[in-house]
Amino acid sequence: MTAAWPAFTQGLALSLGLIVAIGAQNAFVLRQGLRREHVGSVVIFCAVADAVLIAAGVLGMAQALADSPGIARALALAGAAFLTVYGWRALRRARHPERLTAAEAGESISRAAALAQAAAFTLLNPHVYLDTVLLVGSIGAQQPAALRGYFVAGASTASLLWFGLLGYGARWLAPWFARPGAWQLLDTLIGVTMWVLAALLLRHALPGS
């Protein structure tokens, strides 16, 4: 159990670093939270969709890499490079911060329409597959078989926490997210976290270094 916590926290930190960004999906969840309209359904859908994609990525990558240590090492190095660049981009965004806003006005929509929009923002975004299936999947697959479930649990918990925070804390968080300084702090934390994860991945890929 002592090794389970690092696997869980690595999945949590990685997923949070990737999901906390200004984008259409986050703006939609924030909007629903501001309107207090189908918040639970939207939050659960987004979190479950992420969890399914993450689990599929980790399990699929683990099976694909089981007999290919060379490919596993190459993917680990590629993942470390990606996280390094992602961290640099986050730190660069911190120098020129933006803001996340969501209009509260507008017509009410049905639960089915809200879920359809959540599905579109989630599943029609090609970056979600790059992030959850390929990147998180390949990094999670590097974990020992007994710890992959903890990694998936950590990454999935990050999605649930973030979407829940956006949806249910919208009225309190909206003014905070509208301030560029808040995103400056978040992007700085994300950049440092991504670099730490990249270093850990490199150490795993190059154990003799």
N, C-alpha and C. Protein backbone atom coordinates (compact mmCIF):
# COMPACT_ATOMS: atom_id res chain seq x y z
N MET A 1 0.82 -1.21 0.00
CA MET A 1 0.00 0.00 0.00
C MET A 1 0.86 1.26 0.00
N THR A 2 2.13 1.15 0.44
CA THR A 2 2.97 2.34 0.48
C THR A 2 3.25 2.87 -0.92
N ALA A 3 3.27 1.98 -1.92
CA ALA A 3 3.53 2.42 -3.29
C ALA A 3 2.26 2.90 -3.98
N ALA A 4 1.10 2.61 -3.39
CA ALA A 4 -0.15 3.00 -4.03
C ALA A 4 -0.35 4.51 -4.01
N TRP A 5 0.05 5.16 -2.92
CA TRP A 5 -0.18 6.60 -2.80
C TRP A 5 0.60 7.39 -3.85
N PRO A 6 1.89 7.10 -4.09
CA PRO A 6 2.59 7.83 -5.15
C PRO A 6 1.94 7.63 -6.52
N ALA A 7 1.46 6.42 -6.82
CA ALA A 7 0.80 6.18 -8.10
C ALA A 7 -0.49 6.99 -8.19
N PHE A 8 -1.25 7.03 -7.10
CA PHE A 8 -2.49 7.79 -7.07
C PHE A 8 -2.22 9.28 -7.25
N THR A 9 -1.24 9.81 -6.52
CA THR A 9 -0.95 11.25 -6.60
C THR A 9 -0.36 11.63 -7.95
N GLN A 10 0.40 10.73 -8.56
CA GLN A 10 0.94 11.03 -9.89
C GLN A 10 -0.19 11.14 -10.90
N GLY A 11 -1.14 10.20 -10.85
CA GLY A 11 -2.30 10.29 -11.74
C GLY A 11 -3.12 11.53 -11.47
N LEU A 12 -3.30 11.87 -10.20
CA LEU A 12 -4.06 13.06 -9.82
C LEU A 12 -3.41 14.34 -10.35
N ALA A 13 -2.10 14.47 -10.12
CA ALA A 13 -1.39 15.68 -10.53
C ALA A 13 -1.34 15.81 -12.05
N LEU A 14 -1.10 14.70 -12.74
CA LEU A 14 -1.04 14.74 -14.20
C LEU A 14 -2.37 15.15 -14.79
N SER A 15 -3.45 14.52 -14.33
CA SER A 15 -4.77 14.82 -14.86
C SER A 15 -5.18 16.26 -14.55
N LEU A 16 -4.91 16.73 -13.34
CA LEU A 16 -5.24 18.11 -13.00
C LEU A 16 -4.48 19.09 -13.88
N GLY A 17 -3.20 18.80 -14.11
CA GLY A 17 -2.40 19.69 -14.92
C GLY A 17 -2.91 19.80 -16.34
N LEU A 18 -3.48 18.71 -16.85
CA LEU A 18 -3.97 18.71 -18.22
C LEU A 18 -5.37 19.30 -18.34
N ILE A 19 -6.19 19.11 -17.29
CA ILE A 19 -7.60 19.49 -17.40
C ILE A 19 -7.85 20.94 -17.00
N VAL A 20 -6.97 21.49 -16.15
CA VAL A 20 -7.18 22.86 -15.69
C VAL A 20 -6.64 23.82 -16.75
N ALA A 21 -7.49 24.21 -17.64
CA ALA A 21 -7.11 25.13 -18.72
C ALA A 21 -8.35 25.85 -19.20
N ILE A 22 -8.14 27.01 -19.80
CA ILE A 22 -9.26 27.76 -20.36
C ILE A 22 -9.70 27.06 -21.64
N GLY A 23 -10.95 26.66 -21.69
CA GLY A 23 -11.45 25.97 -22.87
C GLY A 23 -12.96 25.91 -22.88
N ALA A 24 -13.51 25.43 -23.99
CA ALA A 24 -14.96 25.42 -24.18
C ALA A 24 -15.65 24.51 -23.16
N GLN A 25 -15.07 23.36 -22.87
CA GLN A 25 -15.71 22.43 -21.94
C GLN A 25 -15.81 23.04 -20.54
N ASN A 26 -14.70 23.62 -20.07
CA ASN A 26 -14.72 24.24 -18.75
C ASN A 26 -15.68 25.42 -18.69
N ALA A 27 -15.72 26.21 -19.75
CA ALA A 27 -16.64 27.34 -19.80
C ALA A 27 -18.09 26.87 -19.76
N PHE A 28 -18.38 25.74 -20.43
CA PHE A 28 -19.74 25.22 -20.43
C PHE A 28 -20.14 24.73 -19.04
N VAL A 29 -19.25 24.00 -18.37
CA VAL A 29 -19.55 23.52 -17.02
C VAL A 29 -19.73 24.71 -16.08
N LEU A 30 -18.89 25.73 -16.22
CA LEU A 30 -19.02 26.92 -15.39
C LEU A 30 -20.36 27.61 -15.66
N ARG A 31 -20.76 27.69 -16.92
CA ARG A 31 -22.04 28.31 -17.28
C ARG A 31 -23.21 27.59 -16.63
N GLN A 32 -23.20 26.26 -16.71
CA GLN A 32 -24.27 25.49 -16.10
C GLN A 32 -24.30 25.68 -14.59
N GLY A 33 -23.12 25.82 -14.00
CA GLY A 33 -23.06 26.07 -12.57
C GLY A 33 -23.62 27.43 -12.21
N LEU A 34 -23.30 28.42 -13.01
CA LEU A 34 -23.82 29.76 -12.76
C LEU A 34 -25.35 29.79 -12.87
N ARG A 35 -25.90 29.02 -13.81
CA ARG A 35 -27.33 28.98 -14.02
C ARG A 35 -28.02 28.00 -13.07
N ARG A 36 -27.19 27.16 -12.39
CA ARG A 36 -27.72 26.10 -11.51
C ARG A 36 -28.70 25.22 -12.27
N GLU A 37 -28.25 24.78 -13.42
CA GLU A 37 -29.11 24.05 -14.35
C GLU A 37 -28.45 22.73 -14.74
N HIS A 38 -29.00 21.61 -14.31
CA HIS A 38 -28.50 20.27 -14.65
C HIS A 38 -27.02 20.12 -14.29
N VAL A 39 -26.62 20.73 -13.19
CA VAL A 39 -25.20 20.74 -12.82
C VAL A 39 -24.70 19.32 -12.55
N GLY A 40 -25.44 18.58 -11.74
CA GLY A 40 -25.00 17.23 -11.39
C GLY A 40 -24.83 16.34 -12.61
N SER A 41 -25.79 16.39 -13.53
CA SER A 41 -25.72 15.54 -14.73
C SER A 41 -24.51 15.89 -15.58
N VAL A 42 -24.26 17.19 -15.75
CA VAL A 42 -23.13 17.63 -16.57
C VAL A 42 -21.80 17.26 -15.91
N VAL A 43 -21.69 17.48 -14.62
CA VAL A 43 -20.45 17.16 -13.90
C VAL A 43 -20.17 15.66 -13.96
N ILE A 44 -21.19 14.85 -13.69
CA ILE A 44 -21.01 13.40 -13.70
C ILE A 44 -20.63 12.91 -15.09
N PHE A 45 -21.30 13.45 -16.12
CA PHE A 45 -20.98 13.02 -17.49
C PHE A 45 -19.52 13.31 -17.83
N CYS A 46 -19.09 14.54 -17.57
CA CYS A 46 -17.72 14.92 -17.92
C CYS A 46 -16.70 14.08 -17.14
N ALA A 47 -16.96 13.86 -15.85
CA ALA A 47 -16.03 13.09 -15.03
C ALA A 47 -15.99 11.63 -15.45
N VAL A 48 -17.16 11.04 -15.71
CA VAL A 48 -17.21 9.63 -16.12
C VAL A 48 -16.57 9.44 -17.49
N ALA A 49 -16.82 10.36 -18.41
CA ALA A 49 -16.21 10.27 -19.74
C ALA A 49 -14.68 10.28 -19.63
N ASP A 50 -14.15 11.17 -18.81
CA ASP A 50 -12.71 11.21 -18.59
C ASP A 50 -12.21 9.90 -17.99
N ALA A 51 -12.93 9.39 -16.98
CA ALA A 51 -12.50 8.16 -16.32
C ALA A 51 -12.46 6.99 -17.29
N VAL A 52 -13.48 6.88 -18.15
CA VAL A 52 -13.52 5.79 -19.13
C VAL A 52 -12.37 5.91 -20.12
N LEU A 53 -12.14 7.11 -20.63
CA LEU A 53 -11.05 7.31 -21.59
C LEU A 53 -9.69 7.05 -20.95
N ILE A 54 -9.51 7.49 -19.71
CA ILE A 54 -8.24 7.26 -19.01
C ILE A 54 -8.01 5.78 -18.78
N ALA A 55 -9.04 5.07 -18.29
CA ALA A 55 -8.91 3.64 -18.04
C ALA A 55 -8.63 2.89 -19.33
N ALA A 56 -9.34 3.25 -20.40
CA ALA A 56 -9.11 2.60 -21.70
C ALA A 56 -7.69 2.85 -22.17
N GLY A 57 -7.21 4.08 -21.97
CA GLY A 57 -5.85 4.41 -22.39
C GLY A 57 -4.81 3.63 -21.61
N VAL A 58 -4.95 3.59 -20.29
CA VAL A 58 -3.97 2.89 -19.47
C VAL A 58 -3.99 1.39 -19.76
N LEU A 59 -5.17 0.78 -19.79
CA LEU A 59 -5.26 -0.66 -20.02
C LEU A 59 -4.82 -1.03 -21.44
N GLY A 60 -5.24 -0.22 -22.41
CA GLY A 60 -4.86 -0.49 -23.79
C GLY A 60 -3.37 -0.34 -24.02
N MET A 61 -2.80 0.73 -23.47
CA MET A 61 -1.36 0.93 -23.61
C MET A 61 -0.58 -0.16 -22.88
N ALA A 62 -1.06 -0.55 -21.69
CA ALA A 62 -0.37 -1.58 -20.93
C ALA A 62 -0.33 -2.89 -21.72
N GLN A 63 -1.45 -3.23 -22.36
CA GLN A 63 -1.48 -4.45 -23.14
C GLN A 63 -0.57 -4.34 -24.36
N ALA A 64 -0.58 -3.18 -25.00
CA ALA A 64 0.23 -2.99 -26.20
C ALA A 64 1.73 -2.99 -25.88
N LEU A 65 2.08 -2.51 -24.69
CA LEU A 65 3.49 -2.37 -24.34
C LEU A 65 4.03 -3.54 -23.52
N ALA A 66 3.18 -4.51 -23.22
CA ALA A 66 3.57 -5.60 -22.32
C ALA A 66 4.83 -6.31 -22.80
N ASP A 67 4.91 -6.56 -24.10
CA ASP A 67 6.05 -7.29 -24.64
C ASP A 67 6.97 -6.40 -25.45
N SER A 68 6.89 -5.10 -25.23
CA SER A 68 7.70 -4.17 -26.02
C SER A 68 8.37 -3.14 -25.12
N PRO A 69 9.39 -3.55 -24.35
CA PRO A 69 10.05 -2.60 -23.45
C PRO A 69 10.68 -1.43 -24.19
N GLY A 70 11.15 -1.67 -25.42
CA GLY A 70 11.75 -0.59 -26.19
C GLY A 70 10.73 0.48 -26.53
N ILE A 71 9.54 0.05 -26.94
CA ILE A 71 8.48 1.01 -27.25
C ILE A 71 8.02 1.71 -25.98
N ALA A 72 7.95 0.97 -24.89
CA ALA A 72 7.55 1.58 -23.62
C ALA A 72 8.53 2.69 -23.23
N ARG A 73 9.83 2.42 -23.41
CA ARG A 73 10.84 3.43 -23.08
C ARG A 73 10.72 4.63 -24.01
N ALA A 74 10.48 4.36 -25.28
CA ALA A 74 10.34 5.46 -26.25
C ALA A 74 9.14 6.33 -25.91
N LEU A 75 8.01 5.70 -25.53
CA LEU A 75 6.82 6.47 -25.17
C LEU A 75 7.04 7.26 -23.89
N ALA A 76 7.79 6.67 -22.96
CA ALA A 76 8.09 7.39 -21.73
C ALA A 76 8.92 8.64 -22.02
N LEU A 77 9.90 8.49 -22.91
CA LEU A 77 10.72 9.64 -23.28
C LEU A 77 9.89 10.69 -24.03
N ALA A 78 9.00 10.21 -24.91
CA ALA A 78 8.12 11.14 -25.63
C ALA A 78 7.19 11.85 -24.66
N GLY A 79 6.66 11.10 -23.68
CA GLY A 79 5.80 11.70 -22.68
C GLY A 79 6.53 12.75 -21.85
N ALA A 80 7.79 12.45 -21.49
CA ALA A 80 8.58 13.42 -20.74
C ALA A 80 8.82 14.68 -21.56
N ALA A 81 9.09 14.50 -22.86
CA ALA A 81 9.29 15.66 -23.74
C ALA A 81 8.01 16.49 -23.83
N PHE A 82 6.87 15.79 -23.97
CA PHE A 82 5.59 16.50 -24.07
C PHE A 82 5.32 17.29 -22.79
N LEU A 83 5.53 16.66 -21.64
CA LEU A 83 5.28 17.33 -20.37
C LEU A 83 6.21 18.53 -20.18
N THR A 84 7.45 18.39 -20.65
CA THR A 84 8.39 19.50 -20.56
C THR A 84 7.89 20.69 -21.38
N VAL A 85 7.45 20.40 -22.62
CA VAL A 85 6.94 21.47 -23.48
C VAL A 85 5.64 22.04 -22.90
N TYR A 86 4.77 21.15 -22.40
CA TYR A 86 3.50 21.59 -21.82
C TYR A 86 3.76 22.50 -20.62
N GLY A 87 4.72 22.11 -19.79
CA GLY A 87 5.06 22.94 -18.64
C GLY A 87 5.60 24.28 -19.05
N TRP A 88 6.44 24.29 -20.09
CA TRP A 88 6.99 25.56 -20.58
C TRP A 88 5.88 26.45 -21.12
N ARG A 89 4.93 25.85 -21.84
CA ARG A 89 3.81 26.64 -22.37
C ARG A 89 2.95 27.20 -21.23
N ALA A 90 2.76 26.42 -20.17
CA ALA A 90 1.98 26.91 -19.03
C ALA A 90 2.69 28.09 -18.37
N LEU A 91 4.01 27.99 -18.21
CA LEU A 91 4.76 29.08 -17.62
C LEU A 91 4.75 30.31 -18.53
N ARG A 92 4.76 30.07 -19.83
CA ARG A 92 4.67 31.20 -20.76
C ARG A 92 3.30 31.85 -20.69
N ARG A 93 2.22 31.04 -20.54
CA ARG A 93 0.88 31.60 -20.38
C ARG A 93 0.79 32.44 -19.12
N ALA A 94 1.54 32.03 -18.09
CA ALA A 94 1.51 32.77 -16.83
C ALA A 94 2.03 34.19 -17.00
N ARG A 95 2.86 34.40 -18.01
CA ARG A 95 3.39 35.75 -18.26
C ARG A 95 2.36 36.62 -18.97
N HIS A 96 1.42 35.98 -19.67
CA HIS A 96 0.37 36.71 -20.38
C HIS A 96 -0.97 36.06 -20.07
N PRO A 97 -1.44 36.15 -18.83
CA PRO A 97 -2.63 35.41 -18.40
C PRO A 97 -3.90 35.89 -19.09
N GLU A 98 -4.83 34.93 -19.29
CA GLU A 98 -6.14 35.23 -19.82
C GLU A 98 -7.16 35.07 -18.70
N ARG A 99 -8.42 34.93 -19.08
CA ARG A 99 -9.47 34.76 -18.07
C ARG A 99 -10.52 33.80 -18.60
N LEU A 100 -11.21 33.14 -17.69
CA LEU A 100 -12.30 32.22 -18.05
C LEU A 100 -13.61 32.86 -17.64
N THR A 101 -14.48 33.11 -18.61
CA THR A 101 -15.78 33.69 -18.31
C THR A 101 -16.86 32.85 -18.95
N ALA A 102 -18.05 32.90 -18.38
CA ALA A 102 -19.19 32.17 -18.92
C ALA A 102 -20.43 33.02 -18.72
N ALA A 103 -21.15 33.28 -19.79
CA ALA A 103 -22.35 34.11 -19.70
C ALA A 103 -23.45 33.36 -18.95
N GLU A 104 -24.06 34.05 -18.00
CA GLU A 104 -25.14 33.44 -17.24
C GLU A 104 -26.48 33.61 -17.95
N ALA A 105 -26.57 34.60 -18.83
CA ALA A 105 -27.82 34.84 -19.53
C ALA A 105 -28.05 33.81 -20.62
N GLY A 106 -29.28 33.77 -21.13
CA GLY A 106 -29.61 32.83 -22.18
C GLY A 106 -30.80 31.99 -21.82
N GLU A 107 -31.31 31.29 -22.82
CA GLU A 107 -32.49 30.46 -22.59
C GLU A 107 -32.12 29.18 -21.85
N SER A 108 -33.06 28.68 -21.08
CA SER A 108 -32.86 27.40 -20.40
C SER A 108 -32.82 26.27 -21.42
N ILE A 109 -32.08 25.23 -21.09
CA ILE A 109 -32.01 24.07 -21.97
C ILE A 109 -32.41 22.83 -21.19
N SER A 110 -32.87 21.82 -21.88
CA SER A 110 -33.28 20.58 -21.23
C SER A 110 -32.06 19.79 -20.78
N ARG A 111 -32.31 18.79 -19.93
CA ARG A 111 -31.21 17.94 -19.47
C ARG A 111 -30.56 17.22 -20.65
N ALA A 112 -31.39 16.74 -21.59
CA ALA A 112 -30.85 16.04 -22.75
C ALA A 112 -29.97 16.96 -23.58
N ALA A 113 -30.40 18.21 -23.75
CA ALA A 113 -29.61 19.17 -24.52
C ALA A 113 -28.31 19.50 -23.81
N ALA A 114 -28.38 19.62 -22.48
CA ALA A 114 -27.17 19.91 -21.71
C ALA A 114 -26.16 18.77 -21.83
N LEU A 115 -26.65 17.53 -21.75
CA LEU A 115 -25.76 16.38 -21.88
C LEU A 115 -25.21 16.25 -23.29
N ALA A 116 -26.03 16.60 -24.29
CA ALA A 116 -25.55 16.56 -25.67
C ALA A 116 -24.43 17.57 -25.87
N GLN A 117 -24.59 18.75 -25.31
CA GLN A 117 -23.54 19.75 -25.43
C GLN A 117 -22.29 19.32 -24.67
N ALA A 118 -22.47 18.74 -23.49
CA ALA A 118 -21.32 18.25 -22.73
C ALA A 118 -20.58 17.17 -23.50
N ALA A 119 -21.34 16.28 -24.16
CA ALA A 119 -20.72 15.22 -24.95
C ALA A 119 -19.94 15.80 -26.12
N ALA A 120 -20.51 16.82 -26.76
CA ALA A 120 -19.83 17.43 -27.90
C ALA A 120 -18.53 18.11 -27.45
N PHE A 121 -18.59 18.89 -26.37
CA PHE A 121 -17.40 19.57 -25.88
C PHE A 121 -16.33 18.58 -25.43
N THR A 122 -16.76 17.41 -24.94
CA THR A 122 -15.82 16.42 -24.42
C THR A 122 -15.28 15.52 -25.52
N LEU A 123 -16.17 14.89 -26.29
CA LEU A 123 -15.78 13.82 -27.19
C LEU A 123 -15.40 14.29 -28.59
N LEU A 124 -15.81 15.49 -28.97
CA LEU A 124 -15.45 16.00 -30.29
C LEU A 124 -14.18 16.86 -30.26
N ASN A 125 -13.57 16.92 -29.11
CA ASN A 125 -12.32 17.66 -28.98
C ASN A 125 -11.16 16.68 -29.15
N PRO A 126 -10.39 16.79 -30.23
CA PRO A 126 -9.31 15.81 -30.46
C PRO A 126 -8.26 15.81 -29.37
N HIS A 127 -8.10 16.93 -28.66
CA HIS A 127 -7.08 16.98 -27.61
C HIS A 127 -7.42 16.06 -26.44
N VAL A 128 -8.71 15.77 -26.25
CA VAL A 128 -9.07 14.90 -25.13
C VAL A 128 -8.49 13.50 -25.32
N TYR A 129 -8.41 13.05 -26.57
CA TYR A 129 -7.86 11.71 -26.84
C TYR A 129 -6.34 11.73 -26.72
N LEU A 130 -5.72 12.83 -27.14
CA LEU A 130 -4.28 12.96 -26.98
C LEU A 130 -3.92 12.97 -25.50
N ASP A 131 -4.70 13.72 -24.71
CA ASP A 131 -4.39 13.85 -23.28
C ASP A 131 -4.71 12.58 -22.50
N THR A 132 -5.96 12.10 -22.61
CA THR A 132 -6.39 10.99 -21.75
C THR A 132 -5.92 9.63 -22.25
N VAL A 133 -6.14 9.35 -23.52
CA VAL A 133 -5.84 8.02 -24.04
C VAL A 133 -4.35 7.83 -24.29
N LEU A 134 -3.75 8.77 -25.00
CA LEU A 134 -2.35 8.59 -25.39
C LEU A 134 -1.39 8.98 -24.29
N LEU A 135 -1.46 10.23 -23.82
CA LEU A 135 -0.47 10.69 -22.85
C LEU A 135 -0.68 10.06 -21.47
N VAL A 136 -1.87 10.24 -20.88
CA VAL A 136 -2.12 9.65 -19.56
C VAL A 136 -2.06 8.13 -19.65
N GLY A 137 -2.57 7.58 -20.75
CA GLY A 137 -2.53 6.12 -20.91
C GLY A 137 -1.12 5.58 -20.95
N SER A 138 -0.24 6.21 -21.73
CA SER A 138 1.13 5.71 -21.83
C SER A 138 1.90 5.88 -20.53
N ILE A 139 1.65 6.96 -19.80
CA ILE A 139 2.33 7.15 -18.52
C ILE A 139 1.78 6.20 -17.47
N GLY A 140 0.46 6.02 -17.46
CA GLY A 140 -0.12 5.07 -16.52
C GLY A 140 0.32 3.65 -16.77
N ALA A 141 0.55 3.31 -18.04
CA ALA A 141 0.98 1.96 -18.39
C ALA A 141 2.39 1.66 -17.90
N GLN A 142 3.16 2.71 -17.58
CA GLN A 142 4.51 2.50 -17.04
C GLN A 142 4.47 2.00 -15.60
N GLN A 143 3.32 2.17 -14.94
CA GLN A 143 3.19 1.71 -13.56
C GLN A 143 3.16 0.18 -13.51
N PRO A 144 3.63 -0.41 -12.41
CA PRO A 144 3.46 -1.86 -12.25
C PRO A 144 1.98 -2.23 -12.31
N ALA A 145 1.69 -3.43 -12.76
CA ALA A 145 0.31 -3.85 -12.98
C ALA A 145 -0.56 -3.64 -11.74
N ALA A 146 0.00 -3.90 -10.56
CA ALA A 146 -0.78 -3.78 -9.33
C ALA A 146 -1.11 -2.34 -8.96
N LEU A 147 -0.39 -1.38 -9.56
CA LEU A 147 -0.59 0.03 -9.21
C LEU A 147 -1.35 0.81 -10.27
N ARG A 148 -1.65 0.20 -11.40
CA ARG A 148 -2.32 0.94 -12.47
C ARG A 148 -3.71 1.39 -12.05
N GLY A 149 -4.40 0.57 -11.28
CA GLY A 149 -5.72 0.95 -10.81
C GLY A 149 -5.68 2.19 -9.94
N TYR A 150 -4.63 2.32 -9.11
CA TYR A 150 -4.49 3.50 -8.26
C TYR A 150 -4.20 4.73 -9.11
N PHE A 151 -3.39 4.56 -10.15
CA PHE A 151 -3.09 5.68 -11.05
C PHE A 151 -4.37 6.15 -11.74
N VAL A 152 -5.15 5.21 -12.27
CA VAL A 152 -6.42 5.55 -12.92
C VAL A 152 -7.36 6.23 -11.93
N ALA A 153 -7.40 5.71 -10.69
CA ALA A 153 -8.27 6.31 -9.67
C ALA A 153 -7.85 7.74 -9.38
N GLY A 154 -6.55 8.00 -9.30
CA GLY A 154 -6.07 9.35 -9.05
C GLY A 154 -6.42 10.30 -10.18
N ALA A 155 -6.18 9.85 -11.42
CA ALA A 155 -6.49 10.68 -12.58
C ALA A 155 -7.99 10.94 -12.69
N SER A 156 -8.79 9.94 -12.42
CA SER A 156 -10.25 10.10 -12.48
C SER A 156 -10.76 11.00 -11.37
N THR A 157 -10.15 10.90 -10.19
CA THR A 157 -10.53 11.76 -9.07
C THR A 157 -10.27 13.22 -9.42
N ALA A 158 -9.18 13.48 -10.13
CA ALA A 158 -8.87 14.85 -10.53
C ALA A 158 -9.99 15.43 -11.38
N SER A 159 -10.49 14.64 -12.34
CA SER A 159 -11.58 15.11 -13.20
C SER A 159 -12.83 15.40 -12.38
N LEU A 160 -13.18 14.47 -11.49
CA LEU A 160 -14.38 14.66 -10.66
C LEU A 160 -14.26 15.90 -9.78
N LEU A 161 -13.10 16.08 -9.17
CA LEU A 161 -12.89 17.24 -8.30
C LEU A 161 -12.97 18.54 -9.09
N TRP A 162 -12.32 18.57 -10.25
CA TRP A 162 -12.29 19.80 -11.03
C TRP A 162 -13.67 20.18 -11.56
N PHE A 163 -14.35 19.21 -12.18
CA PHE A 163 -15.67 19.52 -12.73
C PHE A 163 -16.67 19.83 -11.62
N GLY A 164 -16.55 19.11 -10.49
CA GLY A 164 -17.42 19.41 -9.36
C GLY A 164 -17.18 20.80 -8.82
N LEU A 165 -15.90 21.19 -8.75
CA LEU A 165 -15.56 22.53 -8.29
C LEU A 165 -16.12 23.59 -9.23
N LEU A 166 -15.95 23.36 -10.54
CA LEU A 166 -16.47 24.32 -11.52
C LEU A 166 -17.99 24.43 -11.45
N GLY A 167 -18.66 23.28 -11.40
CA GLY A 167 -20.12 23.28 -11.44
C GLY A 167 -20.76 23.79 -10.16
N TYR A 168 -20.34 23.23 -9.03
CA TYR A 168 -21.02 23.56 -7.77
C TYR A 168 -20.43 24.79 -7.09
N GLY A 169 -19.21 25.18 -7.48
CA GLY A 169 -18.63 26.38 -6.88
C GLY A 169 -18.64 27.55 -7.84
N ALA A 170 -19.44 27.45 -8.90
CA ALA A 170 -19.40 28.44 -9.97
C ALA A 170 -19.63 29.86 -9.48
N ARG A 171 -20.64 30.05 -8.66
CA ARG A 171 -20.98 31.42 -8.25
C ARG A 171 -19.91 32.04 -7.37
N TRP A 172 -19.18 31.22 -6.66
CA TRP A 172 -18.08 31.73 -5.86
C TRP A 172 -16.80 31.86 -6.69
N LEU A 173 -16.60 30.91 -7.63
CA LEU A 173 -15.36 30.87 -8.39
C LEU A 173 -15.34 31.78 -9.61
N ALA A 174 -16.52 32.09 -10.16
CA ALA A 174 -16.57 32.87 -11.40
C ALA A 174 -15.79 34.18 -11.32
N PRO A 175 -15.97 34.98 -10.25
CA PRO A 175 -15.18 36.23 -10.18
C PRO A 175 -13.68 35.96 -10.08
N TRP A 176 -13.33 34.85 -9.42
CA TRP A 176 -11.91 34.50 -9.28
C TRP A 176 -11.32 34.09 -10.62
N PHE A 177 -12.07 33.26 -11.38
CA PHE A 177 -11.59 32.82 -12.68
C PHE A 177 -11.57 33.96 -13.70
N ALA A 178 -12.33 35.01 -13.45
CA ALA A 178 -12.33 36.15 -14.35
C ALA A 178 -11.13 37.05 -14.15
N ARG A 179 -10.32 36.76 -13.12
CA ARG A 179 -9.13 37.57 -12.85
C ARG A 179 -7.91 36.91 -13.49
N PRO A 180 -7.20 37.60 -14.35
CA PRO A 180 -6.00 37.01 -14.97
C PRO A 180 -4.98 36.53 -13.94
N GLY A 181 -4.89 37.22 -12.80
CA GLY A 181 -3.91 36.82 -11.79
C GLY A 181 -4.15 35.42 -11.26
N ALA A 182 -5.42 35.00 -11.20
CA ALA A 182 -5.73 33.65 -10.72
C ALA A 182 -5.17 32.61 -11.68
N TRP A 183 -5.34 32.86 -12.97
CA TRP A 183 -4.82 31.92 -13.96
C TRP A 183 -3.30 31.98 -14.04
N GLN A 184 -2.74 33.13 -13.71
CA GLN A 184 -1.29 33.25 -13.66
C GLN A 184 -0.72 32.31 -12.59
N LEU A 185 -1.38 32.30 -11.43
CA LEU A 185 -0.95 31.41 -10.35
C LEU A 185 -1.15 29.95 -10.74
N LEU A 186 -2.33 29.62 -11.30
CA LEU A 186 -2.61 28.25 -11.71
C LEU A 186 -1.62 27.76 -12.76
N ASP A 187 -1.36 28.59 -13.77
CA ASP A 187 -0.44 28.17 -14.83
C ASP A 187 0.98 27.98 -14.31
N THR A 188 1.37 28.79 -13.34
CA THR A 188 2.69 28.61 -12.74
C THR A 188 2.78 27.27 -12.01
N LEU A 189 1.74 26.97 -11.24
CA LEU A 189 1.71 25.69 -10.53
C LEU A 189 1.69 24.52 -11.52
N ILE A 190 0.92 24.65 -12.59
CA ILE A 190 0.83 23.60 -13.60
C ILE A 190 2.19 23.39 -14.26
N GLY A 191 2.85 24.50 -14.61
CA GLY A 191 4.16 24.38 -15.26
C GLY A 191 5.16 23.65 -14.41
N VAL A 192 5.24 24.02 -13.12
CA VAL A 192 6.18 23.35 -12.22
C VAL A 192 5.82 21.88 -12.04
N THR A 193 4.52 21.59 -11.90
CA THR A 193 4.08 20.20 -11.73
C THR A 193 4.42 19.35 -12.94
N MET A 194 4.20 19.89 -14.14
CA MET A 194 4.51 19.14 -15.35
C MET A 194 6.00 18.84 -15.46
N TRP A 195 6.83 19.78 -15.04
CA TRP A 195 8.27 19.55 -15.10
C TRP A 195 8.71 18.49 -14.08
N VAL A 196 8.09 18.50 -12.92
CA VAL A 196 8.41 17.48 -11.92
C VAL A 196 8.01 16.10 -12.44
N LEU A 197 6.82 16.00 -13.03
CA LEU A 197 6.37 14.72 -13.59
C LEU A 197 7.27 14.28 -14.74
N ALA A 198 7.72 15.22 -15.56
CA ALA A 198 8.63 14.88 -16.66
C ALA A 198 9.93 14.31 -16.12
N ALA A 199 10.45 14.91 -15.03
CA ALA A 199 11.68 14.41 -14.43
C ALA A 199 11.50 13.00 -13.87
N LEU A 200 10.35 12.75 -13.23
CA LEU A 200 10.07 11.41 -12.72
C LEU A 200 9.96 10.40 -13.84
N LEU A 201 9.35 10.81 -14.95
CA LEU A 201 9.21 9.91 -16.08
C LEU A 201 10.56 9.60 -16.71
N LEU A 202 11.41 10.61 -16.80
CA LEU A 202 12.76 10.39 -17.33
C LEU A 202 13.56 9.44 -16.44
N ARG A 203 13.41 9.60 -15.14
CA ARG A 203 14.12 8.70 -14.22
C ARG A 203 13.66 7.27 -14.38
N HIS A 204 12.34 7.12 -14.67
CA HIS A 204 11.80 5.78 -14.89
C HIS A 204 12.28 5.21 -16.22
N ALA A 205 12.34 6.06 -17.25
CA ALA A 205 12.73 5.59 -18.58
C ALA A 205 14.23 5.33 -18.67
N LEU A 206 15.01 6.09 -17.90
CA LEU A 206 16.47 5.96 -17.94
C LEU A 206 16.99 5.65 -16.54
N PRO A 207 16.73 4.43 -16.05
CA PRO A 207 17.06 4.12 -14.66
C PRO A 207 18.56 4.18 -14.38
N GLY A 208 19.38 4.05 -15.41
CA GLY A 208 20.83 4.07 -15.18
C GLY A 208 21.41 5.46 -15.15
N SER A 209 20.56 6.48 -15.47
CA SER A 209 21.09 7.85 -15.56
C SER A 209 21.17 8.49 -14.19
